[in-house]
Amino acid sequence: MRLPIKGKIVALTLFIALVSCNEKKPVLFDVLIKNGSVINLEDGTISVSNIFINNNRITKITTDASLSDVEAKATIDATGKYIVPGFWDNHTHFRGGDSLIDVNKNFL
């Protein structure tokens, strides 16, 4: 059985309405640090990346330039800046001379 023209129009309208209701909602992050040069500590490579933070933790790092499906409460443009996630202050002065060489090696 074939649908009359009115039925086809109604079916098409319902289809369009349903498809348009399924828009992707953007993912919300607390902080977005975008376009920073991220240094990989394992191999020394540098890539322009975006860092996503929620609850004071890095939750995602991506090199994808498209940020159309992302929202952030705060955005930091790190263009031209370097970012080293997980890096710490490694400038240390050891004391004890020869007697603490093994202790200092274990500490590092």
PDB file of N, CA and C in Angstrom:
ATOM      1  N   MET A   1       0.843  -1.182   0.000  1.00  0.00           N
ATOM      2  CA  MET A   1       0.000   0.000   0.000  1.00  0.00           C
ATOM      3  C   MET A   1       0.884   1.239   0.000  1.00  0.00           C
ATOM      4  N   ARG A   2       0.584   2.167  -0.848  1.00  0.00           N
ATOM      5  CA  ARG A   2       1.365   3.391  -0.982  1.00  0.00           C
ATOM      6  C   ARG A   2       0.743   4.497  -0.152  1.00  0.00           C
ATOM      7  N   LEU A   3       1.601   5.340   0.424  1.00  0.00           N
ATOM      8  CA  LEU A   3       1.117   6.478   1.212  1.00  0.00           C
ATOM      9  C   LEU A   3       0.649   7.589   0.284  1.00  0.00           C
ATOM     10  N   PRO A   4      -0.440   8.255   0.656  1.00  0.00           N
ATOM     11  CA  PRO A   4      -0.840   9.431  -0.120  1.00  0.00           C
ATOM     12  C   PRO A   4       0.179  10.547   0.105  1.00  0.00           C
ATOM     13  N   ILE A   5       0.158  11.553  -0.709  1.00  0.00           N
ATOM     14  CA  ILE A   5       1.119  12.654  -0.647  1.00  0.00           C
ATOM     15  C   ILE A   5       1.141  13.312   0.730  1.00  0.00           C
ATOM     16  N   LYS A   6      -0.042  13.467   1.362  1.00  0.00           N
ATOM     17  CA  LYS A   6      -0.084  14.050   2.712  1.00  0.00           C
ATOM     18  C   LYS A   6       0.662  13.161   3.704  1.00  0.00           C
ATOM     19  N   GLY A   7       0.511  11.873   3.584  1.00  0.00           N
ATOM     20  CA  GLY A   7       1.202  10.930   4.463  1.00  0.00           C
ATOM     21  C   GLY A   7       2.709  10.997   4.289  1.00  0.00           C
ATOM     22  N   LYS A   8       3.152  11.158   3.033  1.00  0.00           N
ATOM     23  CA  LYS A   8       4.588  11.273   2.764  1.00  0.00           C
ATOM     24  C   LYS A   8       5.147  12.549   3.371  1.00  0.00           C
ATOM     25  N   ILE A   9       4.389  13.631   3.267  1.00  0.00           N
ATOM     26  CA  ILE A   9       4.838  14.915   3.825  1.00  0.00           C
ATOM     27  C   ILE A   9       4.934  14.821   5.350  1.00  0.00           C
ATOM     28  N   VAL A  10       3.930  14.205   5.968  1.00  0.00           N
ATOM     29  CA  VAL A  10       3.937  14.045   7.430  1.00  0.00           C
ATOM     30  C   VAL A  10       5.115  13.167   7.849  1.00  0.00           C
ATOM     31  N   ALA A  11       5.339  12.068   7.135  1.00  0.00           N
ATOM     32  CA  ALA A  11       6.435  11.164   7.469  1.00  0.00           C
ATOM     33  C   ALA A  11       7.783  11.870   7.317  1.00  0.00           C
ATOM     34  N   LEU A  12       7.950  12.637   6.251  1.00  0.00           N
ATOM     35  CA  LEU A  12       9.193  13.368   6.016  1.00  0.00           C
ATOM     36  C   LEU A  12       9.407  14.427   7.103  1.00  0.00           C
ATOM     37  N   THR A  13       8.350  15.123   7.474  1.00  0.00           N
ATOM     38  CA  THR A  13       8.440  16.145   8.521  1.00  0.00           C
ATOM     39  C   THR A  13       8.846  15.517   9.854  1.00  0.00           C
ATOM     40  N   LEU A  14       8.248  14.384  10.201  1.00  0.00           N
ATOM     41  CA  LEU A  14       8.603  13.692  11.439  1.00  0.00           C
ATOM     42  C   LEU A  14      10.051  13.224  11.411  1.00  0.00           C
ATOM     43  N   PHE A  15      10.484  12.710  10.274  1.00  0.00           N
ATOM     44  CA  PHE A  15      11.863  12.257  10.145  1.00  0.00           C
ATOM     45  C   PHE A  15      12.845  13.409  10.361  1.00  0.00           C
ATOM     46  N   ILE A  16      12.591  14.531   9.726  1.00  0.00           N
ATOM     47  CA  ILE A  16      13.463  15.710   9.865  1.00  0.00           C
ATOM     48  C   ILE A  16      13.473  16.197  11.307  1.00  0.00           C
ATOM     49  N   ALA A  17      12.302  16.200  11.951  1.00  0.00           N
ATOM     50  CA  ALA A  17      12.219  16.646  13.343  1.00  0.00           C
ATOM     51  C   ALA A  17      13.022  15.721  14.253  1.00  0.00           C
ATOM     52  N   LEU A  18      12.940  14.425  14.035  1.00  0.00           N
ATOM     53  CA  LEU A  18      13.674  13.481  14.871  1.00  0.00           C
ATOM     54  C   LEU A  18      15.176  13.589  14.662  1.00  0.00           C
ATOM     55  N   VAL A  19      15.603  13.738  13.437  1.00  0.00           N
ATOM     56  CA  VAL A  19      17.024  13.857  13.139  1.00  0.00           C
ATOM     57  C   VAL A  19      17.597  15.134  13.743  1.00  0.00           C
ATOM     58  N   SER A  20      16.860  16.223  13.666  1.00  0.00           N
ATOM     59  CA  SER A  20      17.369  17.489  14.189  1.00  0.00           C
ATOM     60  C   SER A  20      17.400  17.499  15.711  1.00  0.00           C
ATOM     61  N   CYS A  21      16.644  16.645  16.374  1.00  0.00           N
ATOM     62  CA  CYS A  21      16.652  16.564  17.836  1.00  0.00           C
ATOM     63  C   CYS A  21      17.887  15.854  18.355  1.00  0.00           C
ATOM     64  N   ASN A  22      18.589  15.146  17.506  1.00  0.00           N
ATOM     65  CA  ASN A  22      19.740  14.371  17.937  1.00  0.00           C
ATOM     66  C   ASN A  22      21.061  15.121  17.782  1.00  0.00           C
ATOM     67  N   GLU A  23      21.042  16.437  17.947  1.00  0.00           N
ATOM     68  CA  GLU A  23      22.269  17.214  17.853  1.00  0.00           C
ATOM     69  C   GLU A  23      23.197  16.832  18.999  1.00  0.00           C
ATOM     70  N   LYS A  24      24.483  16.767  18.693  1.00  0.00           N
ATOM     71  CA  LYS A  24      25.451  16.458  19.732  1.00  0.00           C
ATOM     72  C   LYS A  24      25.612  17.669  20.641  1.00  0.00           C
ATOM     73  N   LYS A  25      25.479  17.426  21.928  1.00  0.00           N
ATOM     74  CA  LYS A  25      25.721  18.491  22.897  1.00  0.00           C
ATOM     75  C   LYS A  25      27.223  18.558  23.143  1.00  0.00           C
ATOM     76  N   PRO A  26      27.755  19.768  23.282  1.00  0.00           N
ATOM     77  CA  PRO A  26      29.195  19.874  23.513  1.00  0.00           C
ATOM     78  C   PRO A  26      29.585  19.289  24.878  1.00  0.00           C
ATOM     79  N   VAL A  27      30.785  18.745  24.938  1.00  0.00           N
ATOM     80  CA  VAL A  27      31.324  18.217  26.187  1.00  0.00           C
ATOM     81  C   VAL A  27      31.836  19.402  26.999  1.00  0.00           C
ATOM     82  N   LEU A  28      31.490  19.459  28.280  1.00  0.00           N
ATOM     83  CA  LEU A  28      31.864  20.580  29.139  1.00  0.00           C
ATOM     84  C   LEU A  28      33.069  20.215  30.002  1.00  0.00           C
ATOM     85  N   PHE A  29      34.070  21.083  29.988  1.00  0.00           N
ATOM     86  CA  PHE A  29      35.256  20.922  30.822  1.00  0.00           C
ATOM     87  C   PHE A  29      35.407  22.151  31.705  1.00  0.00           C
ATOM     88  N   ASP A  30      36.133  21.994  32.804  1.00  0.00           N
ATOM     89  CA  ASP A  30      36.396  23.136  33.680  1.00  0.00           C
ATOM     90  C   ASP A  30      37.376  24.099  33.015  1.00  0.00           C
ATOM     91  N   VAL A  31      38.463  23.542  32.465  1.00  0.00           N
ATOM     92  CA  VAL A  31      39.511  24.374  31.847  1.00  0.00           C
ATOM     93  C   VAL A  31      39.951  23.725  30.541  1.00  0.00           C
ATOM     94  N   LEU A  32      40.150  24.560  29.541  1.00  0.00           N
ATOM     95  CA  LEU A  32      40.740  24.139  28.270  1.00  0.00           C
ATOM     96  C   LEU A  32      41.997  24.963  28.054  1.00  0.00           C
ATOM     97  N   ILE A  33      43.120  24.288  27.911  1.00  0.00           N
ATOM     98  CA  ILE A  33      44.368  24.953  27.528  1.00  0.00           C
ATOM     99  C   ILE A  33      44.579  24.581  26.077  1.00  0.00           C
ATOM    100  N   LYS A  34      44.469  25.572  25.188  1.00  0.00           N
ATOM    101  CA  LYS A  34      44.492  25.252  23.764  1.00  0.00           C
ATOM    102  C   LYS A  34      45.760  25.730  23.081  1.00  0.00           C
ATOM    103  N   ASN A  35      46.152  24.974  22.070  1.00  0.00           N
ATOM    104  CA  ASN A  35      47.260  25.308  21.169  1.00  0.00           C
ATOM    105  C   ASN A  35      48.618  25.410  21.847  1.00  0.00           C
ATOM    106  N   GLY A  36      48.816  24.653  22.919  1.00  0.00           N
ATOM    107  CA  GLY A  36      50.111  24.673  23.593  1.00  0.00           C
ATOM    108  C   GLY A  36      51.054  23.652  22.996  1.00  0.00           C
ATOM    109  N   SER A  37      52.324  23.931  23.055  1.00  0.00           N
ATOM    110  CA  SER A  37      53.338  22.982  22.593  1.00  0.00           C
ATOM    111  C   SER A  37      53.631  22.024  23.732  1.00  0.00           C
ATOM    112  N   VAL A  38      53.149  20.794  23.592  1.00  0.00           N
ATOM    113  CA  VAL A  38      53.296  19.787  24.641  1.00  0.00           C
ATOM    114  C   VAL A  38      54.550  18.968  24.370  1.00  0.00           C
ATOM    115  N   ILE A  39      55.393  18.865  25.382  1.00  0.00           N
ATOM    116  CA  ILE A  39      56.624  18.099  25.271  1.00  0.00           C
ATOM    117  C   ILE A  39      56.382  16.708  25.835  1.00  0.00           C
ATOM    118  N   ASN A  40      56.627  15.690  25.010  1.00  0.00           N
ATOM    119  CA  ASN A  40      56.526  14.308  25.454  1.00  0.00           C
ATOM    120  C   ASN A  40      57.819  13.961  26.181  1.00  0.00           C
ATOM    121  N   LEU A  41      57.727  13.670  27.466  1.00  0.00           N
ATOM    122  CA  LEU A  41      58.921  13.427  28.266  1.00  0.00           C
ATOM    123  C   LEU A  41      59.620  12.119  27.925  1.00  0.00           C
ATOM    124  N   GLU A  42      58.932  11.209  27.263  1.00  0.00           N
ATOM    125  CA  GLU A  42      59.543   9.919  26.952  1.00  0.00           C
ATOM    126  C   GLU A  42      60.417   9.972  25.703  1.00  0.00           C
ATOM    127  N   ASP A  43      59.971  10.710  24.673  1.00  0.00           N
ATOM    128  CA  ASP A  43      60.756  10.716  23.435  1.00  0.00           C
ATOM    129  C   ASP A  43      61.190  12.119  22.995  1.00  0.00           C
ATOM    130  N   GLY A  44      60.783  13.145  23.736  1.00  0.00           N
ATOM    131  CA  GLY A  44      61.222  14.505  23.438  1.00  0.00           C
ATOM    132  C   GLY A  44      60.488  15.185  22.299  1.00  0.00           C
ATOM    133  N   THR A  45      59.491  14.524  21.708  1.00  0.00           N
ATOM    134  CA  THR A  45      58.748  15.155  20.612  1.00  0.00           C
ATOM    135  C   THR A  45      57.861  16.266  21.154  1.00  0.00           C
ATOM    136  N   ILE A  46      57.573  17.214  20.287  1.00  0.00           N
ATOM    137  CA  ILE A  46      56.727  18.349  20.651  1.00  0.00           C
ATOM    138  C   ILE A  46      55.547  18.383  19.694  1.00  0.00           C
ATOM    139  N   SER A  47      54.338  18.506  20.237  1.00  0.00           N
ATOM    140  CA  SER A  47      53.142  18.591  19.394  1.00  0.00           C
ATOM    141  C   SER A  47      52.226  19.687  19.913  1.00  0.00           C
ATOM    142  N   VAL A  48      51.622  20.424  18.993  1.00  0.00           N
ATOM    143  CA  VAL A  48      50.643  21.435  19.377  1.00  0.00           C
ATOM    144  C   VAL A  48      49.376  20.699  19.787  1.00  0.00           C
ATOM    145  N   SER A  49      48.960  20.904  21.023  1.00  0.00           N
ATOM    146  CA  SER A  49      47.880  20.103  21.593  1.00  0.00           C
ATOM    147  C   SER A  49      46.920  20.949  22.410  1.00  0.00           C
ATOM    148  N   ASN A  50      45.794  20.342  22.716  1.00  0.00           N
ATOM    149  CA  ASN A  50      44.797  20.929  23.603  1.00  0.00           C
ATOM    150  C   ASN A  50      44.695  20.038  24.827  1.00  0.00           C
ATOM    151  N   ILE A  51      44.643  20.662  26.002  1.00  0.00           N
ATOM    152  CA  ILE A  51      44.574  19.926  27.257  1.00  0.00           C
ATOM    153  C   ILE A  51      43.249  20.271  27.930  1.00  0.00           C
ATOM    154  N   PHE A  52      42.532  19.218  28.331  1.00  0.00           N
ATOM    155  CA  PHE A  52      41.217  19.382  28.951  1.00  0.00           C
ATOM    156  C   PHE A  52      41.315  18.976  30.417  1.00  0.00           C
ATOM    157  N   ILE A  53      40.794  19.827  31.303  1.00  0.00           N
ATOM    158  CA  ILE A  53      40.914  19.600  32.739  1.00  0.00           C
ATOM    159  C   ILE A  53      39.533  19.624  33.379  1.00  0.00           C
ATOM    160  N   ASN A  54      39.270  18.639  34.224  1.00  0.00           N
ATOM    161  CA  ASN A  54      38.074  18.593  35.070  1.00  0.00           C
ATOM    162  C   ASN A  54      38.506  18.225  36.477  1.00  0.00           C
ATOM    163  N   ASN A  55      37.941  18.891  37.465  1.00  0.00           N
ATOM    164  CA  ASN A  55      38.252  18.606  38.873  1.00  0.00           C
ATOM    165  C   ASN A  55      39.750  18.625  39.156  1.00  0.00           C
ATOM    166  N   ASN A  56      40.443  19.610  38.580  1.00  0.00           N
ATOM    167  CA  ASN A  56      41.884  19.801  38.796  1.00  0.00           C
ATOM    168  C   ASN A  56      42.746  18.642  38.291  1.00  0.00           C
ATOM    169  N   ARG A  57      42.220  17.871  37.353  1.00  0.00           N
ATOM    170  CA  ARG A  57      42.983  16.759  36.763  1.00  0.00           C
ATOM    171  C   ARG A  57      42.898  16.832  35.243  1.00  0.00           C
ATOM    172  N   ILE A  58      44.000  16.525  34.605  1.00  0.00           N
ATOM    173  CA  ILE A  58      43.991  16.439  33.148  1.00  0.00           C
ATOM    174  C   ILE A  58      43.178  15.211  32.774  1.00  0.00           C
ATOM    175  N   THR A  59      42.129  15.418  31.981  1.00  0.00           N
ATOM    176  CA  THR A  59      41.282  14.292  31.587  1.00  0.00           C
ATOM    177  C   THR A  59      41.481  13.891  30.132  1.00  0.00           C
ATOM    178  N   LYS A  60      42.060  14.792  29.340  1.00  0.00           N
ATOM    179  CA  LYS A  60      42.224  14.486  27.919  1.00  0.00           C
ATOM    180  C   LYS A  60      43.277  15.415  27.322  1.00  0.00           C
ATOM    181  N   ILE A  61      44.105  14.865  26.446  1.00  0.00           N
ATOM    182  CA  ILE A  61      45.052  15.651  25.662  1.00  0.00           C
ATOM    183  C   ILE A  61      44.864  15.234  24.220  1.00  0.00           C
ATOM    184  N   THR A  62      44.671  16.199  23.334  1.00  0.00           N
ATOM    185  CA  THR A  62      44.447  15.870  21.933  1.00  0.00           C
ATOM    186  C   THR A  62      45.183  16.847  21.028  1.00  0.00           C
ATOM    187  N   THR A  63      45.576  16.358  19.857  1.00  0.00           N
ATOM    188  CA  THR A  63      46.178  17.224  18.847  1.00  0.00           C
ATOM    189  C   THR A  63      45.139  17.662  17.822  1.00  0.00           C
ATOM    190  N   ASP A  64      43.901  17.226  18.014  1.00  0.00           N
ATOM    191  CA  ASP A  64      42.811  17.592  17.100  1.00  0.00           C
ATOM    192  C   ASP A  64      42.560  19.096  17.196  1.00  0.00           C
ATOM    193  N   ALA A  65      42.642  19.791  16.089  1.00  0.00           N
ATOM    194  CA  ALA A  65      42.478  21.240  16.085  1.00  0.00           C
ATOM    195  C   ALA A  65      41.023  21.674  16.226  1.00  0.00           C
ATOM    196  N   SER A  66      40.091  20.786  15.942  1.00  0.00           N
ATOM    197  CA  SER A  66      38.675  21.132  15.999  1.00  0.00           C
ATOM    198  C   SER A  66      38.185  21.114  17.447  1.00  0.00           C
ATOM    199  N   LEU A  67      37.667  22.234  17.896  1.00  0.00           N
ATOM    200  CA  LEU A  67      37.128  22.338  19.253  1.00  0.00           C
ATOM    201  C   LEU A  67      35.640  22.668  19.213  1.00  0.00           C
ATOM    202  N   SER A  68      34.980  22.357  18.096  1.00  0.00           N
ATOM    203  CA  SER A  68      33.585  22.734  17.918  1.00  0.00           C
ATOM    204  C   SER A  68      32.645  21.971  18.844  1.00  0.00           C
ATOM    205  N   ASP A  69      33.033  20.792  19.305  1.00  0.00           N
ATOM    206  CA  ASP A  69      32.153  20.009  20.173  1.00  0.00           C
ATOM    207  C   ASP A  69      32.561  20.093  21.641  1.00  0.00           C
ATOM    208  N   VAL A  70      33.283  21.178  22.006  1.00  0.00           N
ATOM    209  CA  VAL A  70      33.810  21.330  23.359  1.00  0.00           C
ATOM    210  C   VAL A  70      33.436  22.707  23.908  1.00  0.00           C
ATOM    211  N   GLU A  71      33.085  22.725  25.193  1.00  0.00           N
ATOM    212  CA  GLU A  71      32.900  23.986  25.902  1.00  0.00           C
ATOM    213  C   GLU A  71      33.725  23.926  27.176  1.00  0.00           C
ATOM    214  N   ALA A  72      34.201  25.069  27.628  1.00  0.00           N
ATOM    215  CA  ALA A  72      34.980  25.115  28.860  1.00  0.00           C
ATOM    216  C   ALA A  72      34.580  26.342  29.665  1.00  0.00           C
ATOM    217  N   LYS A  73      34.601  26.183  30.982  1.00  0.00           N
ATOM    218  CA  LYS A  73      34.298  27.316  31.862  1.00  0.00           C
ATOM    219  C   LYS A  73      35.381  28.378  31.748  1.00  0.00           C
ATOM    220  N   ALA A  74      36.627  27.927  31.533  1.00  0.00           N
ATOM    221  CA  ALA A  74      37.754  28.844  31.344  1.00  0.00           C
ATOM    222  C   ALA A  74      38.630  28.309  30.227  1.00  0.00           C
ATOM    223  N   THR A  75      39.105  29.206  29.371  1.00  0.00           N
ATOM    224  CA  THR A  75      39.974  28.815  28.266  1.00  0.00           C
ATOM    225  C   THR A  75      41.263  29.623  28.337  1.00  0.00           C
ATOM    226  N   ILE A  76      42.381  28.920  28.209  1.00  0.00           N
ATOM    227  CA  ILE A  76      43.692  29.561  28.203  1.00  0.00           C
ATOM    228  C   ILE A  76      44.313  29.312  26.842  1.00  0.00           C
ATOM    229  N   ASP A  77      44.681  30.396  26.154  1.00  0.00           N
ATOM    230  CA  ASP A  77      45.349  30.245  24.861  1.00  0.00           C
ATOM    231  C   ASP A  77      46.848  30.152  25.113  1.00  0.00           C
ATOM    232  N   ALA A  78      47.414  28.984  24.870  1.00  0.00           N
ATOM    233  CA  ALA A  78      48.831  28.732  25.132  1.00  0.00           C
ATOM    234  C   ALA A  78      49.657  28.763  23.859  1.00  0.00           C
ATOM    235  N   THR A  79      49.166  29.435  22.833  1.00  0.00           N
ATOM    236  CA  THR A  79      49.902  29.534  21.574  1.00  0.00           C
ATOM    237  C   THR A  79      51.286  30.118  21.840  1.00  0.00           C
ATOM    238  N   GLY A  80      52.320  29.423  21.352  1.00  0.00           N
ATOM    239  CA  GLY A  80      53.691  29.894  21.533  1.00  0.00           C
ATOM    240  C   GLY A  80      54.283  29.561  22.893  1.00  0.00           C
ATOM    241  N   LYS A  81      53.543  28.831  23.721  1.00  0.00           N
ATOM    242  CA  LYS A  81      54.033  28.459  25.050  1.00  0.00           C
ATOM    243  C   LYS A  81      54.233  26.943  25.115  1.00  0.00           C
ATOM    244  N   TYR A  82      55.098  26.514  26.026  1.00  0.00           N
ATOM    245  CA  TYR A  82      55.369  25.091  26.196  1.00  0.00           C
ATOM    246  C   TYR A  82      54.647  24.550  27.420  1.00  0.00           C
ATOM    247  N   ILE A  83      54.165  23.314  27.293  1.00  0.00           N
ATOM    248  CA  ILE A  83      53.435  22.667  28.375  1.00  0.00           C
ATOM    249  C   ILE A  83      54.062  21.290  28.588  1.00  0.00           C
ATOM    250  N   VAL A  84      54.342  20.972  29.840  1.00  0.00           N
ATOM    251  CA  VAL A  84      54.918  19.678  30.164  1.00  0.00           C
ATOM    252  C   VAL A  84      54.034  19.053  31.251  1.00  0.00           C
ATOM    253  N   PRO A  85      52.957  18.356  30.860  1.00  0.00           N
ATOM    254  CA  PRO A  85      52.070  17.753  31.864  1.00  0.00           C
ATOM    255  C   PRO A  85      52.823  16.764  32.756  1.00  0.00           C
ATOM    256  N   GLY A  86      52.583  16.862  34.045  1.00  0.00           N
ATOM    257  CA  GLY A  86      53.200  15.950  34.987  1.00  0.00           C
ATOM    258  C   GLY A  86      54.626  16.321  35.360  1.00  0.00           C
ATOM    259  N   PHE A  87      55.094  17.453  34.900  1.00  0.00           N
ATOM    260  CA  PHE A  87      56.464  17.852  35.190  1.00  0.00           C
ATOM    261  C   PHE A  87      56.546  18.394  36.616  1.00  0.00           C
ATOM    262  N   TRP A  88      57.677  18.301  37.215  1.00  0.00           N
ATOM    263  CA  TRP A  88      57.860  18.797  38.574  1.00  0.00           C
ATOM    264  C   TRP A  88      59.180  19.551  38.643  1.00  0.00           C
ATOM    265  N   ASP A  89      59.388  20.223  39.739  1.00  0.00           N
ATOM    266  CA  ASP A  89      60.635  20.961  39.953  1.00  0.00           C
ATOM    267  C   ASP A  89      61.733  19.942  40.225  1.00  0.00           C
ATOM    268  N   ASN A  90      62.637  19.772  39.290  1.00  0.00           N
ATOM    269  CA  ASN A  90      63.684  18.761  39.455  1.00  0.00           C
ATOM    270  C   ASN A  90      65.041  19.373  39.790  1.00  0.00           C
ATOM    271  N   HIS A  91      65.045  20.608  40.248  1.00  0.00           N
ATOM    272  CA  HIS A  91      66.298  21.245  40.646  1.00  0.00           C
ATOM    273  C   HIS A  91      66.518  20.958  42.133  1.00  0.00           C
ATOM    274  N   THR A  92      67.524  20.145  42.415  1.00  0.00           N
ATOM    275  CA  THR A  92      67.749  19.702  43.788  1.00  0.00           C
ATOM    276  C   THR A  92      69.231  19.764  44.120  1.00  0.00           C
ATOM    277  N   HIS A  93      69.524  20.126  45.352  1.00  0.00           N
ATOM    278  CA  HIS A  93      70.892  20.091  45.865  1.00  0.00           C
ATOM    279  C   HIS A  93      70.968  18.977  46.893  1.00  0.00           C
ATOM    280  N   PHE A  94      71.842  18.007  46.645  1.00  0.00           N
ATOM    281  CA  PHE A  94      71.999  16.891  47.570  1.00  0.00           C
ATOM    282  C   PHE A  94      73.113  17.201  48.553  1.00  0.00           C
ATOM    283  N   ARG A  95      72.976  16.648  49.724  1.00  0.00           N
ATOM    284  CA  ARG A  95      73.985  16.818  50.767  1.00  0.00           C
ATOM    285  C   ARG A  95      74.493  15.440  51.192  1.00  0.00           C
ATOM    286  N   GLY A  96      75.593  15.408  51.816  1.00  0.00           N
ATOM    287  CA  GLY A  96      76.068  14.165  52.417  1.00  0.00           C
ATOM    288  C   GLY A  96      77.279  13.562  51.747  1.00  0.00           C
ATOM    289  N   GLY A  97      77.667  14.091  50.597  1.00  0.00           N
ATOM    290  CA  GLY A  97      78.859  13.573  49.936  1.00  0.00           C
ATOM    291  C   GLY A  97      78.753  12.102  49.584  1.00  0.00           C
ATOM    292  N   ASP A  98      79.897  11.417  49.672  1.00  0.00           N
ATOM    293  CA  ASP A  98      79.971  10.007  49.275  1.00  0.00           C
ATOM    294  C   ASP A  98      79.081   9.101  50.113  1.00  0.00           C
ATOM    295  N   SER A  99      78.825   9.462  51.351  1.00  0.00           N
ATOM    296  CA  SER A  99      78.060   8.579  52.237  1.00  0.00           C
ATOM    297  C   SER A  99      76.589   8.473  51.838  1.00  0.00           C
ATOM    298  N   LEU A 100      76.063   9.414  51.059  1.00  0.00           N
ATOM    299  CA  LEU A 100      74.647   9.389  50.673  1.00  0.00           C
ATOM    300  C   LEU A 100      74.419   9.183  49.171  1.00  0.00           C
ATOM    301  N   ILE A 101      75.443   8.721  48.449  1.00  0.00           N
ATOM    302  CA  ILE A 101      75.298   8.532  47.007  1.00  0.00           C
ATOM    303  C   ILE A 101      74.153   7.562  46.692  1.00  0.00           C
ATOM    304  N   ASP A 102      74.116   6.409  47.364  1.00  0.00           N
ATOM    305  CA  ASP A 102      73.059   5.426  47.104  1.00  0.00           C
ATOM    306  C   ASP A 102      71.682   5.961  47.503  1.00  0.00           C
ATOM    307  N   VAL A 103      71.604   6.677  48.609  1.00  0.00           N
ATOM    308  CA  VAL A 103      70.337   7.261  49.062  1.00  0.00           C
ATOM    309  C   VAL A 103      69.842   8.270  48.020  1.00  0.00           C
ATOM    310  N   ASN A 104      70.740   9.121  47.548  1.00  0.00           N
ATOM    311  CA  ASN A 104      70.360  10.134  46.552  1.00  0.00           C
ATOM    312  C   ASN A 104      69.930   9.491  45.235  1.00  0.00           C
ATOM    313  N   LYS A 105      70.601   8.406  44.805  1.00  0.00           N
ATOM    314  CA  LYS A 105      70.202   7.711  43.578  1.00  0.00           C
ATOM    315  C   LYS A 105      68.803   7.129  43.736  1.00  0.00           C
ATOM    316  N   ASN A 106      68.516   6.529  44.882  1.00  0.00           N
ATOM    317  CA  ASN A 106      67.180   5.978  45.134  1.00  0.00           C
ATOM    318  C   ASN A 106      66.119   7.067  45.169  1.00  0.00           C
ATOM    319  N   PHE A 107      66.479   8.224  45.712  1.00  0.00           N
ATOM    320  CA  PHE A 107      65.554   9.348  45.777  1.00  0.00           C
ATOM    321  C   PHE A 107      65.151   9.794  44.386  1.00  0.00           C
ATOM    322  N   LEU A 108      66.121   9.824  43.466  1.00  0.00           N
ATOM    323  CA  LEU A 108      65.811  10.238  42.095  1.00  0.00           C
ATOM    324  C   LEU A 108      65.016   9.167  41.386  1.00  0.00           C
TER     325      LEU A 108
END
